Amino acid sequence: MEVVYITIGVSIIVAVFFFIIFIKSVKSGQYEDTYTPSVRMLFDDELVKEPKKHIENQQE
């Protein structure tokens, strides 16, 4: 039964820690830009060049 109390205590401490980190990130403006990530995925891919012919094919 003592293990349950220890587990609950540790989980509350971890939850408070992550909540504090979340509040700090929101206040620092981490989540301000919600538009750019959705558009960035459209422009991530670079132009794909056609592969060059193999040297063996060029000798024939």
N, C-alpha and C. Protein backbone atom coordinates (compact mmCIF):
# COMPACT_ATOMS: atom_id res chain seq x y z
N MET A 1 0.82 -1.20 0.00
CA MET A 1 0.00 0.00 0.00
C MET A 1 0.86 1.26 0.00
N GLU A 2 2.05 1.17 0.59
CA GLU A 2 2.94 2.33 0.63
C GLU A 2 3.42 2.69 -0.78
N VAL A 3 3.55 1.69 -1.64
CA VAL A 3 4.00 1.94 -3.01
C VAL A 3 2.99 2.81 -3.76
N VAL A 4 1.72 2.63 -3.50
CA VAL A 4 0.69 3.43 -4.15
C VAL A 4 0.83 4.89 -3.74
N TYR A 5 1.08 5.14 -2.47
CA TYR A 5 1.24 6.52 -2.00
C TYR A 5 2.48 7.15 -2.61
N ILE A 6 3.55 6.40 -2.71
CA ILE A 6 4.78 6.92 -3.32
C ILE A 6 4.56 7.22 -4.80
N THR A 7 3.88 6.32 -5.49
CA THR A 7 3.61 6.51 -6.92
C THR A 7 2.73 7.72 -7.17
N ILE A 8 1.71 7.90 -6.36
CA ILE A 8 0.83 9.07 -6.50
C ILE A 8 1.61 10.35 -6.23
N GLY A 9 2.44 10.35 -5.21
CA GLY A 9 3.25 11.53 -4.89
C GLY A 9 4.20 11.89 -6.01
N VAL A 10 4.89 10.88 -6.54
CA VAL A 10 5.84 11.14 -7.63
C VAL A 10 5.11 11.62 -8.88
N SER A 11 3.96 11.03 -9.18
CA SER A 11 3.23 11.45 -10.38
C SER A 11 2.70 12.87 -10.25
N ILE A 12 2.31 13.28 -9.07
CA ILE A 12 1.86 14.66 -8.86
C ILE A 12 3.03 15.63 -9.03
N ILE A 13 4.19 15.26 -8.51
CA ILE A 13 5.37 16.12 -8.66
C ILE A 13 5.75 16.25 -10.13
N VAL A 14 5.73 15.16 -10.88
CA VAL A 14 6.06 15.21 -12.30
C VAL A 14 5.02 16.03 -13.07
N ALA A 15 3.74 15.87 -12.73
CA ALA A 15 2.69 16.64 -13.40
C ALA A 15 2.84 18.13 -13.14
N VAL A 16 3.16 18.51 -11.93
CA VAL A 16 3.36 19.93 -11.60
C VAL A 16 4.57 20.47 -12.35
N PHE A 17 5.63 19.67 -12.44
CA PHE A 17 6.83 20.08 -13.18
C PHE A 17 6.51 20.35 -14.64
N PHE A 18 5.81 19.45 -15.31
CA PHE A 18 5.45 19.65 -16.72
C PHE A 18 4.47 20.81 -16.89
N PHE A 19 3.59 21.02 -15.94
CA PHE A 19 2.65 22.14 -16.02
C PHE A 19 3.40 23.47 -15.93
N ILE A 20 4.39 23.54 -15.06
CA ILE A 20 5.19 24.77 -14.92
C ILE A 20 5.96 25.03 -16.22
N ILE A 21 6.54 23.99 -16.79
CA ILE A 21 7.26 24.16 -18.05
C ILE A 21 6.31 24.62 -19.16
N PHE A 22 5.10 24.07 -19.19
CA PHE A 22 4.12 24.48 -20.19
C PHE A 22 3.74 25.94 -20.03
N ILE A 23 3.49 26.38 -18.81
CA ILE A 23 3.13 27.78 -18.56
C ILE A 23 4.28 28.70 -18.98
N LYS A 24 5.53 28.31 -18.68
CA LYS A 24 6.67 29.13 -19.08
C LYS A 24 6.77 29.24 -20.60
N SER A 25 6.52 28.15 -21.31
CA SER A 25 6.63 28.18 -22.77
C SER A 25 5.51 29.02 -23.39
N VAL A 26 4.33 28.99 -22.80
CA VAL A 26 3.23 29.81 -23.32
C VAL A 26 3.53 31.29 -23.09
N LYS A 27 4.05 31.61 -21.92
CA LYS A 27 4.36 33.02 -21.63
C LYS A 27 5.52 33.55 -22.47
N SER A 28 6.42 32.67 -22.87
CA SER A 28 7.56 33.12 -23.67
C SER A 28 7.22 33.24 -25.15
N GLY A 29 6.01 32.85 -25.55
CA GLY A 29 5.58 33.02 -26.93
C GLY A 29 5.88 31.82 -27.81
N GLN A 30 6.09 30.67 -27.23
CA GLN A 30 6.41 29.48 -28.00
C GLN A 30 5.29 29.11 -28.96
N TYR A 31 4.06 29.35 -28.58
CA TYR A 31 2.91 28.93 -29.38
C TYR A 31 2.22 30.09 -30.09
N GLU A 32 2.92 31.18 -30.32
CA GLU A 32 2.34 32.35 -30.95
C GLU A 32 2.05 32.13 -32.43
N ASP A 33 2.97 31.52 -33.14
CA ASP A 33 2.84 31.37 -34.58
C ASP A 33 2.16 30.04 -34.90
N THR A 34 0.90 30.11 -35.25
CA THR A 34 0.17 28.88 -35.58
C THR A 34 -0.02 28.72 -37.09
N TYR A 35 0.36 29.74 -37.87
CA TYR A 35 0.14 29.68 -39.32
C TYR A 35 1.33 29.10 -40.06
N THR A 36 2.54 29.50 -39.71
CA THR A 36 3.72 29.11 -40.46
C THR A 36 3.94 27.60 -40.54
N PRO A 37 3.81 26.83 -39.45
CA PRO A 37 4.04 25.40 -39.58
C PRO A 37 3.12 24.71 -40.58
N SER A 38 1.91 25.17 -40.71
CA SER A 38 1.00 24.54 -41.66
C SER A 38 1.37 24.86 -43.10
N VAL A 39 2.01 25.99 -43.33
CA VAL A 39 2.42 26.37 -44.68
C VAL A 39 3.81 25.82 -44.99
N ARG A 40 4.64 25.69 -43.99
CA ARG A 40 6.02 25.24 -44.19
C ARG A 40 6.07 23.86 -44.83
N MET A 41 5.14 23.00 -44.47
CA MET A 41 5.17 21.64 -45.03
C MET A 41 4.92 21.65 -46.54
N LEU A 42 4.31 22.70 -47.06
CA LEU A 42 4.08 22.78 -48.49
C LEU A 42 5.35 23.12 -49.26
N PHE A 43 6.30 23.78 -48.60
CA PHE A 43 7.51 24.24 -49.26
C PHE A 43 8.77 23.53 -48.80
N ASP A 44 8.65 22.46 -48.02
CA ASP A 44 9.82 21.74 -47.52
C ASP A 44 10.55 20.97 -48.61
N ASP A 45 9.83 20.39 -49.53
CA ASP A 45 10.46 19.57 -50.56
C ASP A 45 11.19 20.44 -51.57
N GLU A 46 12.41 20.04 -51.85
CA GLU A 46 13.18 20.74 -52.88
C GLU A 46 12.88 20.07 -54.22
N LEU A 47 13.26 20.75 -55.28
CA LEU A 47 13.05 20.17 -56.60
C LEU A 47 13.88 18.90 -56.73
N VAL A 48 13.27 17.87 -57.26
CA VAL A 48 13.96 16.61 -57.44
C VAL A 48 14.53 16.56 -58.84
N LYS A 49 15.83 16.39 -58.94
CA LYS A 49 16.48 16.33 -60.25
C LYS A 49 16.40 14.89 -60.75
N GLU A 50 16.30 14.76 -62.07
CA GLU A 50 16.28 13.42 -62.64
C GLU A 50 17.66 12.80 -62.48
N PRO A 51 17.70 11.53 -62.12
CA PRO A 51 19.02 10.89 -61.95
C PRO A 51 19.76 10.80 -63.28
N LYS A 52 21.07 10.95 -63.21
CA LYS A 52 21.89 10.87 -64.41
C LYS A 52 21.92 9.43 -64.90
N LYS A 53 22.12 9.29 -66.19
CA LYS A 53 22.21 7.94 -66.77
C LYS A 53 23.48 7.30 -66.26
N HIS A 54 23.42 6.00 -66.11
CA HIS A 54 24.58 5.27 -65.63
C HIS A 54 25.70 5.32 -66.67
N ILE A 55 26.90 5.21 -66.23
CA ILE A 55 28.07 5.25 -67.11
C ILE A 55 28.01 4.08 -68.09
N GLU A 56 27.54 2.94 -67.64
CA GLU A 56 27.45 1.77 -68.51
C GLU A 56 26.55 2.05 -69.72
N ASN A 57 25.45 2.74 -69.53
CA ASN A 57 24.53 3.04 -70.62
C ASN A 57 25.12 4.06 -71.60
N GLN A 58 26.00 4.93 -71.13
CA GLN A 58 26.57 5.95 -71.97
C GLN A 58 27.65 5.38 -72.89
N GLN A 59 28.31 4.29 -72.48
CA GLN A 59 29.37 3.70 -73.27
C GLN A 59 28.82 2.93 -74.47
N GLU A 60 27.62 2.49 -74.45
CA GLU A 60 27.06 1.68 -75.52
C GLU A 60 26.71 2.48 -76.74
